[in-house]
């Protein structure tokens, strides 16, 4: 399926007033589709599955910034650490520790986002704000010299209740702002990653500066 260039251009215009970045979610999309969007100027792409990411990374231009946005298993970390630009989905301290270990082997500092659980659905991954705060203020983070926490990511409830979605995003923005102001060791909060195809405008209004959008650009899977 060809890229919807009209939708992509509209999306870029929507983001401009907010100064927000776009991660084009390319899971299940072909190398040809990704290349078409790349040729339109897009450089940030998000993948959910390690094996799919590895296959695409080998075939596509080296200046693509690959974002890992899915649930990441610790035993898959070592294969993406050499090149991944930003890992959005840190949902456990053990995962962060493994990323630090593999990043040290690759002489890299890997940028990561804490995934915060803000939705009402039981199926979403993530840390509670209380768990995240305990870790941020604890003694483990300063020892992880090869990761840098650059912000937070969250997914709102999948619902037509805009007031609920807005309140969830607002709560995450408050956590982001409070944490950024603390300037804690091992952190440099810059990214508030929230908003997808169905709710990105609300997310932008509530402070998102990085949205993750797939179907609006590539069509439904």
N, C-alpha and C. Protein backbone atom coordinates (compact mmCIF):
# COMPACT_ATOMS: atom_id res chain seq x y z
N UNK A 1 0.85 -1.19 0.00
CA UNK A 1 0.00 0.00 0.00
C UNK A 1 0.88 1.25 0.00
N UNK A 2 0.65 2.19 -0.95
CA UNK A 2 1.50 3.39 -0.99
C UNK A 2 1.26 4.29 0.21
N UNK A 3 2.26 5.08 0.52
CA UNK A 3 2.15 6.05 1.61
C UNK A 3 1.11 7.11 1.23
N UNK A 4 0.30 7.50 2.18
CA UNK A 4 -0.68 8.56 1.97
C UNK A 4 0.04 9.91 2.16
N UNK A 5 0.56 10.44 1.07
CA UNK A 5 1.37 11.66 1.16
C UNK A 5 0.56 12.85 1.66
N UNK A 6 -0.69 12.92 1.23
CA UNK A 6 -1.55 14.03 1.68
C UNK A 6 -1.70 14.00 3.20
N UNK A 7 -1.96 12.80 3.74
CA UNK A 7 -2.12 12.66 5.19
C UNK A 7 -0.81 12.97 5.91
N UNK A 8 0.31 12.55 5.33
CA UNK A 8 1.61 12.81 5.94
C UNK A 8 1.89 14.31 5.99
N UNK A 9 1.62 15.00 4.89
CA UNK A 9 1.86 16.44 4.85
C UNK A 9 0.96 17.19 5.83
N UNK A 10 -0.29 16.75 5.94
CA UNK A 10 -1.21 17.37 6.90
C UNK A 10 -0.70 17.16 8.33
N UNK A 11 -0.21 15.97 8.60
CA UNK A 11 0.31 15.65 9.92
C UNK A 11 1.49 16.54 10.29
N UNK A 12 2.39 16.72 9.35
CA UNK A 12 3.55 17.59 9.59
C UNK A 12 3.09 19.01 9.91
N UNK A 13 2.06 19.49 9.18
CA UNK A 13 1.52 20.83 9.45
C UNK A 13 0.88 20.90 10.84
N UNK A 14 0.18 19.82 11.23
CA UNK A 14 -0.43 19.79 12.56
C UNK A 14 0.62 19.88 13.67
N UNK A 15 1.78 19.27 13.44
CA UNK A 15 2.82 19.23 14.47
C UNK A 15 3.58 20.54 14.61
N UNK A 16 3.68 21.28 13.52
CA UNK A 16 4.53 22.48 13.50
C UNK A 16 4.23 23.47 14.62
N UNK A 17 2.97 23.87 14.84
CA UNK A 17 2.72 24.87 15.89
C UNK A 17 3.14 24.41 17.29
N UNK A 18 3.24 23.10 17.46
CA UNK A 18 3.58 22.56 18.78
C UNK A 18 5.08 22.22 18.90
N UNK A 19 5.80 22.35 17.79
CA UNK A 19 7.22 22.00 17.80
C UNK A 19 7.46 20.54 18.12
N UNK A 20 6.52 19.69 17.74
CA UNK A 20 6.60 18.27 18.10
C UNK A 20 7.22 17.45 16.97
N UNK A 21 7.87 16.36 17.36
CA UNK A 21 8.46 15.45 16.40
C UNK A 21 7.53 14.29 16.09
N UNK A 22 7.81 13.62 14.98
CA UNK A 22 7.00 12.50 14.52
C UNK A 22 7.83 11.23 14.41
N UNK A 23 7.37 10.19 15.09
CA UNK A 23 7.91 8.84 14.86
C UNK A 23 6.88 8.11 14.00
N UNK A 24 7.27 7.77 12.78
CA UNK A 24 6.39 7.04 11.88
C UNK A 24 6.43 5.56 12.26
N UNK A 25 5.30 5.04 12.71
CA UNK A 25 5.25 3.65 13.17
C UNK A 25 5.17 2.73 11.96
N UNK A 26 6.25 2.00 11.73
CA UNK A 26 6.39 1.24 10.49
C UNK A 26 6.31 -0.27 10.68
N UNK A 27 5.80 -0.72 11.83
CA UNK A 27 5.68 -2.17 12.04
C UNK A 27 4.73 -2.75 11.00
N UNK A 28 5.10 -3.93 10.49
CA UNK A 28 4.32 -4.66 9.48
C UNK A 28 4.32 -3.97 8.12
N UNK A 29 5.10 -2.89 7.98
CA UNK A 29 5.19 -2.22 6.69
C UNK A 29 6.46 -2.67 5.97
N UNK A 30 6.41 -2.61 4.64
CA UNK A 30 7.52 -3.12 3.84
C UNK A 30 8.67 -2.12 3.78
N UNK A 31 9.82 -2.64 3.39
CA UNK A 31 10.99 -1.79 3.17
C UNK A 31 10.68 -0.73 2.12
N UNK A 32 9.93 -1.11 1.08
CA UNK A 32 9.58 -0.16 0.02
C UNK A 32 8.71 0.98 0.55
N UNK A 33 7.76 0.67 1.41
CA UNK A 33 6.90 1.71 2.00
C UNK A 33 7.70 2.65 2.89
N UNK A 34 8.59 2.09 3.68
CA UNK A 34 9.42 2.92 4.55
C UNK A 34 10.34 3.81 3.71
N UNK A 35 10.90 3.24 2.66
CA UNK A 35 11.79 4.02 1.80
C UNK A 35 11.05 5.18 1.13
N UNK A 36 9.80 4.94 0.75
CA UNK A 36 9.00 6.00 0.13
C UNK A 36 8.81 7.18 1.10
N UNK A 37 8.54 6.87 2.36
CA UNK A 37 8.37 7.93 3.35
C UNK A 37 9.71 8.60 3.66
N UNK A 38 10.77 7.81 3.69
CA UNK A 38 12.12 8.33 3.87
C UNK A 38 12.44 9.36 2.79
N UNK A 39 12.05 9.06 1.56
CA UNK A 39 12.33 9.97 0.45
C UNK A 39 11.50 11.25 0.53
N UNK A 40 10.44 11.23 1.35
CA UNK A 40 9.67 12.45 1.61
C UNK A 40 10.29 13.29 2.72
N UNK A 41 11.36 12.77 3.33
CA UNK A 41 12.07 13.52 4.36
C UNK A 41 11.96 12.96 5.77
N UNK A 42 11.15 11.92 5.95
CA UNK A 42 11.00 11.33 7.29
C UNK A 42 12.25 10.54 7.68
N UNK A 43 12.71 10.74 8.90
CA UNK A 43 13.92 10.03 9.35
C UNK A 43 13.68 9.18 10.61
N UNK A 44 12.62 9.47 11.36
CA UNK A 44 12.38 8.73 12.59
C UNK A 44 11.28 7.69 12.37
N UNK A 45 11.64 6.42 12.59
CA UNK A 45 10.70 5.32 12.40
C UNK A 45 10.65 4.46 13.65
N UNK A 46 9.46 3.97 13.97
CA UNK A 46 9.26 3.18 15.18
C UNK A 46 8.86 1.75 14.87
N UNK A 47 9.51 0.83 15.52
CA UNK A 47 9.22 -0.60 15.34
C UNK A 47 8.88 -1.25 16.68
N UNK A 48 8.04 -2.28 16.62
CA UNK A 48 7.57 -2.99 17.81
C UNK A 48 8.23 -4.34 18.03
N UNK A 49 8.81 -4.91 16.98
CA UNK A 49 9.34 -6.27 17.06
C UNK A 49 10.80 -6.29 16.65
N UNK A 50 11.62 -6.92 17.48
CA UNK A 50 13.07 -6.88 17.29
C UNK A 50 13.48 -7.50 15.96
N UNK A 51 12.97 -8.69 15.64
CA UNK A 51 13.41 -9.37 14.42
C UNK A 51 13.05 -8.55 13.18
N UNK A 52 11.88 -7.95 13.20
CA UNK A 52 11.45 -7.12 12.07
C UNK A 52 12.35 -5.89 11.95
N UNK A 53 12.66 -5.28 13.06
CA UNK A 53 13.55 -4.12 13.07
C UNK A 53 14.92 -4.47 12.51
N UNK A 54 15.48 -5.58 12.94
CA UNK A 54 16.81 -5.98 12.48
C UNK A 54 16.84 -6.19 10.97
N UNK A 55 15.81 -6.83 10.44
CA UNK A 55 15.76 -7.08 9.00
C UNK A 55 15.69 -5.77 8.21
N UNK A 56 14.88 -4.84 8.69
CA UNK A 56 14.71 -3.57 7.98
C UNK A 56 15.96 -2.69 8.10
N UNK A 57 16.56 -2.70 9.27
CA UNK A 57 17.72 -1.85 9.50
C UNK A 57 18.86 -2.19 8.53
N UNK A 58 18.97 -3.46 8.18
CA UNK A 58 20.04 -3.89 7.27
C UNK A 58 19.80 -3.40 5.85
N UNK A 59 18.55 -3.18 5.48
CA UNK A 59 18.22 -2.85 4.09
C UNK A 59 17.99 -1.37 3.82
N UNK A 60 17.87 -0.60 4.88
CA UNK A 60 17.49 0.80 4.71
C UNK A 60 18.64 1.75 5.05
N UNK A 61 18.54 3.03 4.66
CA UNK A 61 19.64 3.97 4.83
C UNK A 61 20.12 4.10 6.28
N UNK A 62 21.41 4.32 6.41
CA UNK A 62 22.05 4.33 7.73
C UNK A 62 21.66 5.54 8.58
N UNK A 63 21.12 6.60 7.94
CA UNK A 63 20.78 7.78 8.74
C UNK A 63 19.36 7.75 9.29
N UNK A 64 18.65 6.64 9.11
CA UNK A 64 17.35 6.49 9.77
C UNK A 64 17.57 6.39 11.27
N UNK A 65 16.74 7.09 12.02
CA UNK A 65 16.76 7.01 13.48
C UNK A 65 15.67 6.01 13.90
N UNK A 66 16.11 4.86 14.36
CA UNK A 66 15.18 3.78 14.72
C UNK A 66 14.76 3.92 16.18
N UNK A 67 13.46 3.96 16.39
CA UNK A 67 12.89 4.01 17.73
C UNK A 67 12.27 2.64 18.02
N UNK A 68 12.58 2.08 19.18
CA UNK A 68 11.90 0.84 19.57
C UNK A 68 10.76 1.22 20.50
N UNK A 69 9.53 0.88 20.08
CA UNK A 69 8.36 1.36 20.82
C UNK A 69 7.51 0.24 21.39
N UNK A 70 7.89 -1.02 21.13
CA UNK A 70 7.11 -2.15 21.65
C UNK A 70 7.67 -2.68 22.96
N UNK A 71 7.00 -3.70 23.46
CA UNK A 71 7.47 -4.35 24.68
C UNK A 71 8.77 -5.07 24.38
N UNK A 72 9.82 -4.74 25.10
CA UNK A 72 11.16 -5.27 24.82
C UNK A 72 11.54 -6.32 25.87
N UNK A 73 11.90 -7.50 25.36
CA UNK A 73 12.36 -8.57 26.25
C UNK A 73 13.87 -8.43 26.47
N UNK A 74 14.30 -8.72 27.68
CA UNK A 74 15.72 -8.54 28.03
C UNK A 74 16.65 -9.33 27.13
N UNK A 75 16.23 -10.52 26.71
CA UNK A 75 17.12 -11.35 25.88
C UNK A 75 17.24 -10.85 24.44
N UNK A 76 16.47 -9.82 24.07
CA UNK A 76 16.56 -9.25 22.72
C UNK A 76 17.34 -7.93 22.71
N UNK A 77 17.69 -7.46 23.87
CA UNK A 77 18.30 -6.13 23.99
C UNK A 77 19.60 -6.03 23.19
N UNK A 78 20.47 -7.05 23.31
CA UNK A 78 21.82 -6.93 22.75
C UNK A 78 21.83 -6.75 21.24
N UNK A 79 20.76 -7.19 20.56
CA UNK A 79 20.76 -7.09 19.10
C UNK A 79 20.41 -5.70 18.59
N UNK A 80 19.71 -4.89 19.41
CA UNK A 80 19.36 -3.55 18.93
C UNK A 80 20.21 -2.44 19.53
N UNK A 81 20.87 -2.72 20.62
CA UNK A 81 21.66 -1.69 21.31
C UNK A 81 22.74 -1.05 20.42
N UNK A 82 23.36 -1.78 19.50
CA UNK A 82 24.41 -1.13 18.70
C UNK A 82 23.93 0.05 17.85
N UNK A 83 22.63 0.10 17.52
CA UNK A 83 22.20 1.16 16.60
C UNK A 83 20.93 1.91 17.00
N UNK A 84 20.17 1.41 17.96
CA UNK A 84 18.88 2.02 18.26
C UNK A 84 19.05 3.47 18.70
N UNK A 85 18.14 4.34 18.24
CA UNK A 85 18.22 5.76 18.56
C UNK A 85 17.58 6.07 19.91
N UNK A 86 16.39 5.50 20.14
CA UNK A 86 15.66 5.78 21.37
C UNK A 86 14.74 4.60 21.68
N UNK A 87 14.81 4.09 22.90
CA UNK A 87 13.91 3.03 23.35
C UNK A 87 12.82 3.67 24.20
N UNK A 88 11.58 3.57 23.71
CA UNK A 88 10.45 4.25 24.37
C UNK A 88 9.83 3.45 25.50
N UNK A 89 10.13 2.17 25.58
CA UNK A 89 9.27 1.26 26.34
C UNK A 89 9.95 0.61 27.54
N UNK A 90 10.63 1.41 28.34
CA UNK A 90 11.26 0.88 29.56
C UNK A 90 10.18 0.70 30.62
N UNK A 91 9.87 -0.56 30.92
CA UNK A 91 8.79 -0.83 31.87
C UNK A 91 9.25 -1.66 33.07
N UNK A 92 10.57 -1.80 33.21
CA UNK A 92 11.10 -2.47 34.41
C UNK A 92 12.54 -2.04 34.63
N UNK A 93 12.95 -2.10 35.86
CA UNK A 93 14.33 -1.73 36.20
C UNK A 93 15.30 -2.78 35.68
N UNK A 94 14.88 -4.03 35.67
CA UNK A 94 15.76 -5.10 35.17
C UNK A 94 16.06 -4.90 33.68
N UNK A 95 15.07 -4.43 32.93
CA UNK A 95 15.29 -4.16 31.49
C UNK A 95 16.31 -3.04 31.32
N UNK A 96 16.18 -2.00 32.10
CA UNK A 96 17.11 -0.88 32.01
C UNK A 96 18.54 -1.32 32.37
N UNK A 97 18.64 -2.19 33.34
CA UNK A 97 19.95 -2.71 33.75
C UNK A 97 20.60 -3.50 32.62
N UNK A 98 19.81 -4.30 31.92
CA UNK A 98 20.33 -5.08 30.79
C UNK A 98 20.75 -4.17 29.64
N UNK A 99 19.98 -3.14 29.37
CA UNK A 99 20.36 -2.19 28.32
C UNK A 99 21.68 -1.52 28.68
N UNK A 100 21.83 -1.15 29.93
CA UNK A 100 23.09 -0.54 30.38
C UNK A 100 24.27 -1.48 30.16
N UNK A 101 24.07 -2.74 30.49
CA UNK A 101 25.13 -3.76 30.33
C UNK A 101 25.55 -3.89 28.86
N UNK A 102 24.57 -3.99 27.97
CA UNK A 102 24.88 -4.16 26.55
C UNK A 102 25.44 -2.87 25.94
N UNK A 103 24.95 -1.73 26.41
CA UNK A 103 25.46 -0.45 25.92
C UNK A 103 26.93 -0.27 26.29
N UNK A 104 27.29 -0.70 27.50
CA UNK A 104 28.69 -0.61 27.92
C UNK A 104 29.59 -1.45 27.01
N UNK A 105 29.12 -2.63 26.63
CA UNK A 105 29.89 -3.49 25.71
C UNK A 105 30.08 -2.83 24.36
N UNK A 106 29.11 -2.00 23.95
CA UNK A 106 29.17 -1.33 22.65
C UNK A 106 29.73 0.09 22.74
N UNK A 107 30.20 0.45 23.93
CA UNK A 107 30.77 1.78 24.14
C UNK A 107 29.80 2.88 23.72
N UNK A 108 28.54 2.71 24.13
CA UNK A 108 27.49 3.66 23.80
C UNK A 108 26.75 4.09 25.06
N UNK A 109 26.13 5.24 24.97
CA UNK A 109 25.11 5.63 25.95
C UNK A 109 23.79 5.59 25.19
N UNK A 110 22.87 4.75 25.65
CA UNK A 110 21.60 4.56 24.95
C UNK A 110 20.52 5.41 25.60
N UNK A 111 19.84 6.19 24.78
CA UNK A 111 18.75 7.03 25.26
C UNK A 111 17.47 6.21 25.43
N UNK A 112 16.77 6.42 26.53
CA UNK A 112 15.59 5.63 26.86
C UNK A 112 14.49 6.52 27.43
N UNK A 113 13.25 6.04 27.31
CA UNK A 113 12.10 6.68 27.95
C UNK A 113 11.46 5.68 28.90
N UNK A 114 11.03 6.16 30.04
CA UNK A 114 10.25 5.32 30.94
C UNK A 114 8.81 5.25 30.43
N UNK A 115 8.31 4.03 30.27
CA UNK A 115 6.91 3.88 29.88
C UNK A 115 6.04 3.91 31.13
N UNK A 116 5.17 4.90 31.18
CA UNK A 116 4.32 5.10 32.35
C UNK A 116 2.91 4.63 32.03
N UNK A 117 2.36 3.84 32.93
CA UNK A 117 1.03 3.28 32.75
C UNK A 117 0.00 4.34 33.16
N UNK A 118 -0.75 4.84 32.16
CA UNK A 118 -1.73 5.90 32.46
C UNK A 118 -3.16 5.50 32.07
N UNK A 119 -3.31 4.37 31.36
CA UNK A 119 -4.61 3.99 30.81
C UNK A 119 -5.44 3.19 31.82
N UNK A 120 -6.70 2.99 31.45
CA UNK A 120 -7.58 2.19 32.29
C UNK A 120 -7.55 0.71 31.91
N UNK A 121 -7.07 0.38 30.69
CA UNK A 121 -7.04 -1.02 30.28
C UNK A 121 -5.97 -1.80 31.04
N UNK A 122 -6.27 -3.06 31.29
CA UNK A 122 -5.33 -3.92 32.02
C UNK A 122 -4.19 -4.41 31.14
N UNK A 123 -4.33 -4.29 29.81
CA UNK A 123 -3.37 -4.92 28.91
C UNK A 123 -2.12 -4.09 28.65
N UNK A 124 -2.14 -2.84 29.01
CA UNK A 124 -1.01 -1.97 28.72
C UNK A 124 0.15 -2.25 29.68
N UNK A 125 1.37 -2.16 29.14
CA UNK A 125 2.57 -2.28 29.96
C UNK A 125 2.93 -0.92 30.55
N UNK A 126 3.82 -0.93 31.53
CA UNK A 126 4.33 0.32 32.04
C UNK A 126 4.48 0.33 33.55
N UNK A 127 5.22 1.33 34.01
CA UNK A 127 5.41 1.56 35.43
C UNK A 127 4.33 2.52 35.93
N UNK A 128 3.93 2.36 37.15
CA UNK A 128 3.10 3.38 37.76
C UNK A 128 3.98 4.60 38.03
N UNK A 129 3.37 5.76 38.21
CA UNK A 129 4.18 6.94 38.53
C UNK A 129 4.92 6.75 39.85
N UNK A 130 4.31 6.00 40.77
CA UNK A 130 4.97 5.75 42.06
C UNK A 130 6.21 4.88 41.88
N UNK A 131 6.08 3.83 41.05
CA UNK A 131 7.24 2.96 40.78
C UNK A 131 8.35 3.74 40.07
N UNK A 132 7.96 4.56 39.11
CA UNK A 132 8.95 5.34 38.38
C UNK A 132 9.67 6.33 39.30
N UNK A 133 8.92 6.95 40.17
CA UNK A 133 9.51 7.92 41.09
C UNK A 133 10.47 7.23 42.07
N UNK A 134 10.09 6.07 42.56
CA UNK A 134 10.97 5.33 43.46
C UNK A 134 12.30 5.02 42.79
N UNK A 135 12.23 4.61 41.52
CA UNK A 135 13.46 4.30 40.80
C UNK A 135 14.29 5.55 40.54
N UNK A 136 13.63 6.61 40.10
CA UNK A 136 14.34 7.84 39.77
C UNK A 136 15.06 8.43 40.99
N UNK A 137 14.49 8.22 42.16
CA UNK A 137 15.07 8.78 43.38
C UNK A 137 15.96 7.79 44.12
N UNK A 138 16.03 6.56 43.60
CA UNK A 138 16.79 5.52 44.27
C UNK A 138 18.28 5.55 43.94
N UNK A 139 18.98 4.54 44.42
CA UNK A 139 20.44 4.51 44.26
C UNK A 139 20.91 3.79 43.00
N UNK A 140 20.00 3.07 42.30
CA UNK A 140 20.41 2.29 41.14
C UNK A 140 20.74 3.15 39.92
N UNK A 141 19.89 4.12 39.64
CA UNK A 141 20.03 4.89 38.40
C UNK A 141 21.39 5.56 38.24
N UNK A 142 21.93 6.23 39.25
CA UNK A 142 23.23 6.88 39.06
C UNK A 142 24.35 5.92 38.70
N UNK A 143 24.17 4.64 39.00
CA UNK A 143 25.22 3.65 38.69
C UNK A 143 25.15 3.16 37.24
N UNK A 144 24.04 3.45 36.56
CA UNK A 144 23.87 2.99 35.17
C UNK A 144 24.43 4.07 34.23
N UNK A 145 25.71 4.00 33.97
CA UNK A 145 26.41 5.07 33.26
C UNK A 145 26.20 5.04 31.75
N UNK A 146 25.65 3.93 31.23
CA UNK A 146 25.52 3.80 29.78
C UNK A 146 24.08 3.89 29.28
N UNK A 147 23.22 4.40 30.13
CA UNK A 147 21.88 4.78 29.68
C UNK A 147 21.61 6.20 30.13
N UNK A 148 20.73 6.86 29.40
CA UNK A 148 20.30 8.20 29.79
C UNK A 148 18.79 8.26 29.61
N UNK A 149 18.08 8.55 30.67
CA UNK A 149 16.63 8.66 30.59
C UNK A 149 16.28 10.05 30.05
N UNK A 150 15.66 10.05 28.87
CA UNK A 150 15.39 11.29 28.16
C UNK A 150 13.93 11.75 28.30
N UNK A 151 13.12 11.01 29.07
CA UNK A 151 11.74 11.41 29.24
C UNK A 151 10.84 10.23 29.49
N UNK A 152 9.57 10.40 29.12
CA UNK A 152 8.57 9.37 29.39
C UNK A 152 7.68 9.15 28.16
N UNK A 153 7.11 7.95 28.12
CA UNK A 153 6.14 7.59 27.09
C UNK A 153 4.90 7.05 27.77
N UNK A 154 3.74 7.35 27.20
CA UNK A 154 2.50 6.80 27.74
C UNK A 154 1.46 6.62 26.66
N UNK A 155 0.58 5.64 26.88
CA UNK A 155 -0.54 5.38 25.97
C UNK A 155 -1.84 5.55 26.73
N UNK A 156 -2.69 6.42 26.22
CA UNK A 156 -3.97 6.67 26.86
C UNK A 156 -4.94 5.53 26.58
N UNK A 157 -6.02 5.51 27.30
CA UNK A 157 -7.07 4.52 27.09
C UNK A 157 -7.62 4.63 25.67
N UNK A 158 -7.95 3.49 25.09
CA UNK A 158 -8.55 3.45 23.75
C UNK A 158 -10.05 3.63 23.91
N UNK A 159 -10.49 4.87 23.83
CA UNK A 159 -11.88 5.20 24.11
C UNK A 159 -12.25 6.47 23.35
N UNK A 160 -13.54 6.67 23.15
CA UNK A 160 -14.02 7.91 22.54
C UNK A 160 -14.28 8.99 23.60
N UNK A 161 -14.01 8.65 24.85
CA UNK A 161 -14.19 9.61 25.94
C UNK A 161 -12.98 10.56 25.98
N UNK A 162 -13.10 11.68 25.27
CA UNK A 162 -11.97 12.60 25.15
C UNK A 162 -11.54 13.17 26.50
N UNK A 163 -12.51 13.39 27.38
CA UNK A 163 -12.17 13.94 28.70
C UNK A 163 -11.26 12.99 29.47
N UNK A 164 -11.51 11.70 29.36
CA UNK A 164 -10.67 10.71 30.04
C UNK A 164 -9.27 10.69 29.44
N UNK A 165 -9.20 10.66 28.11
CA UNK A 165 -7.91 10.65 27.42
C UNK A 165 -7.12 11.91 27.79
N UNK A 166 -7.79 13.04 27.77
CA UNK A 166 -7.13 14.30 28.09
C UNK A 166 -6.58 14.29 29.53
N UNK A 167 -7.36 13.75 30.44
CA UNK A 167 -6.91 13.72 31.84
C UNK A 167 -5.70 12.80 32.01
N UNK A 168 -5.67 11.70 31.26
CA UNK A 168 -4.53 10.78 31.34
C UNK A 168 -3.27 11.44 30.80
N UNK A 169 -3.39 12.11 29.67
CA UNK A 169 -2.24 12.82 29.11
C UNK A 169 -1.78 13.94 30.05
N UNK A 170 -2.73 14.63 30.63
CA UNK A 170 -2.39 15.74 31.53
C UNK A 170 -1.61 15.25 32.74
N UNK A 171 -2.02 14.11 33.26
CA UNK A 171 -1.34 13.52 34.41
C UNK A 171 0.11 13.15 34.06
N UNK A 172 0.30 12.62 32.86
CA UNK A 172 1.65 12.27 32.44
C UNK A 172 2.49 13.52 32.23
N UNK A 173 1.90 14.57 31.68
CA UNK A 173 2.64 15.83 31.49
C UNK A 173 3.08 16.39 32.84
N UNK A 174 2.24 16.30 33.84
CA UNK A 174 2.60 16.81 35.16
C UNK A 174 3.78 16.03 35.74
N UNK A 175 3.76 14.70 35.55
CA UNK A 175 4.87 13.88 36.03
C UNK A 175 6.16 14.23 35.28
N UNK A 176 6.04 14.38 33.97
CA UNK A 176 7.19 14.74 33.13
C UNK A 176 7.80 16.08 33.60
N UNK A 177 6.95 17.07 33.77
CA UNK A 177 7.41 18.41 34.12
C UNK A 177 8.08 18.41 35.50
N UNK A 178 7.45 17.74 36.45
CA UNK A 178 8.00 17.68 37.80
C UNK A 178 9.37 17.00 37.81
N UNK A 179 9.48 15.91 37.05
CA UNK A 179 10.74 15.16 37.02
C UNK A 179 11.82 15.94 36.28
N UNK A 180 11.46 16.57 35.18
CA UNK A 180 12.43 17.35 34.41
C UNK A 180 13.04 18.45 35.26
N UNK A 181 12.23 19.09 36.07
CA UNK A 181 12.70 20.20 36.90
C UNK A 181 13.69 19.75 37.97
N UNK A 182 13.61 18.47 38.35
CA UNK A 182 14.52 17.97 39.39
C UNK A 182 15.94 17.77 38.89
N UNK A 183 16.10 17.56 37.57
CA UNK A 183 17.43 17.34 36.99
C UNK A 183 18.19 16.24 37.74
N UNK A 184 17.58 15.10 37.85
CA UNK A 184 18.15 13.98 38.61
C UNK A 184 19.32 13.34 37.87
N UNK A 185 20.28 12.74 38.60
CA UNK A 185 21.38 12.02 37.95
C UNK A 185 20.84 10.93 37.02
N UNK A 186 21.46 10.80 35.85
CA UNK A 186 21.05 9.78 34.90
C UNK A 186 19.86 10.17 34.05
N UNK A 187 19.41 11.43 34.19
CA UNK A 187 18.27 11.90 33.41
C UNK A 187 18.61 13.19 32.68
N UNK A 188 17.94 13.39 31.57
CA UNK A 188 17.96 14.66 30.84
C UNK A 188 16.63 14.73 30.10
N UNK A 189 15.59 15.03 30.84
CA UNK A 189 14.24 14.91 30.30
C UNK A 189 13.98 15.94 29.19
N UNK A 190 13.71 15.41 28.01
CA UNK A 190 13.40 16.23 26.83
C UNK A 190 12.13 15.77 26.12
N UNK A 191 11.85 14.47 26.17
CA UNK A 191 10.78 13.91 25.35
C UNK A 191 9.58 13.49 26.19
N UNK A 192 8.43 14.01 25.78
CA UNK A 192 7.15 13.56 26.31
C UNK A 192 6.44 12.88 25.15
N UNK A 193 6.61 11.56 25.08
CA UNK A 193 6.13 10.78 23.94
C UNK A 193 4.72 10.27 24.24
N UNK A 194 3.73 10.94 23.67
CA UNK A 194 2.35 10.50 23.84
C UNK A 194 1.52 11.00 22.67
N UNK A 195 0.57 10.18 22.27
CA UNK A 195 -0.28 10.49 21.13
C UNK A 195 -0.03 9.56 19.97
N UNK A 196 -1.13 8.95 19.48
CA UNK A 196 -1.08 8.08 18.31
C UNK A 196 -2.15 8.56 17.33
N UNK A 197 -2.40 7.77 16.29
CA UNK A 197 -3.30 8.23 15.23
C UNK A 197 -4.64 8.73 15.75
N UNK A 198 -5.21 8.02 16.71
CA UNK A 198 -6.57 8.34 17.15
C UNK A 198 -6.64 9.46 18.18
N UNK A 199 -5.50 9.84 18.77
CA UNK A 199 -5.59 10.84 19.85
C UNK A 199 -4.44 11.86 19.85
N UNK A 200 -3.73 11.96 18.72
CA UNK A 200 -2.53 12.80 18.76
C UNK A 200 -2.83 14.29 18.93
N UNK A 201 -3.96 14.76 18.41
CA UNK A 201 -4.27 16.19 18.57
C UNK A 201 -4.52 16.54 20.04
N UNK A 202 -5.20 15.65 20.75
CA UNK A 202 -5.41 15.87 22.19
C UNK A 202 -4.06 15.82 22.91
N UNK A 203 -3.23 14.85 22.52
CA UNK A 203 -1.91 14.74 23.15
C UNK A 203 -1.08 16.01 22.94
N UNK A 204 -1.11 16.55 21.74
CA UNK A 204 -0.36 17.78 21.46
C UNK A 204 -0.88 18.93 22.31
N UNK A 205 -2.19 19.03 22.42
CA UNK A 205 -2.78 20.10 23.23
C UNK A 205 -2.39 19.97 24.70
N UNK A 206 -2.11 18.74 25.12
CA UNK A 206 -1.75 18.50 26.53
C UNK A 206 -0.24 18.46 26.75
N UNK A 207 0.54 18.78 25.72
CA UNK A 207 1.98 18.97 25.94
C UNK A 207 2.91 17.97 25.28
N UNK A 208 2.39 17.00 24.53
CA UNK A 208 3.28 16.04 23.87
C UNK A 208 4.24 16.76 22.93
N UNK A 209 5.48 16.30 22.88
CA UNK A 209 6.41 16.82 21.88
C UNK A 209 6.98 15.72 20.99
N UNK A 210 6.37 14.52 21.07
CA UNK A 210 6.79 13.41 20.21
C UNK A 210 5.58 12.48 20.06
N UNK A 211 5.07 12.34 18.84
CA UNK A 211 3.92 11.48 18.60
C UNK A 211 4.34 10.26 17.79
N UNK A 212 3.61 9.18 17.96
CA UNK A 212 3.92 7.91 17.29
C UNK A 212 2.72 7.54 16.42
N UNK A 213 2.87 7.68 15.12
CA UNK A 213 1.72 7.55 14.22
C UNK A 213 2.04 6.62 13.06
N UNK A 214 1.15 5.65 12.85
CA UNK A 214 1.32 4.69 11.76
C UNK A 214 0.20 4.70 10.76
N UNK A 215 -0.99 4.30 11.18
CA UNK A 215 -2.08 4.08 10.22
C UNK A 215 -2.53 5.34 9.50
N UNK A 216 -2.38 6.51 10.12
CA UNK A 216 -2.74 7.75 9.44
C UNK A 216 -1.83 8.02 8.23
N UNK A 217 -0.64 7.45 8.25
CA UNK A 217 0.32 7.65 7.17
C UNK A 217 0.31 6.47 6.20
N UNK A 218 0.39 5.27 6.76
CA UNK A 218 0.54 4.06 5.95
C UNK A 218 -0.78 3.37 5.64
N UNK A 219 -1.88 3.79 6.29
CA UNK A 219 -3.13 3.06 6.17
C UNK A 219 -3.21 1.96 7.21
N UNK A 220 -4.40 1.39 7.34
CA UNK A 220 -4.59 0.33 8.33
C UNK A 220 -3.78 -0.91 7.94
N UNK A 221 -3.32 -1.63 8.98
CA UNK A 221 -2.55 -2.85 8.71
C UNK A 221 -3.46 -3.96 8.22
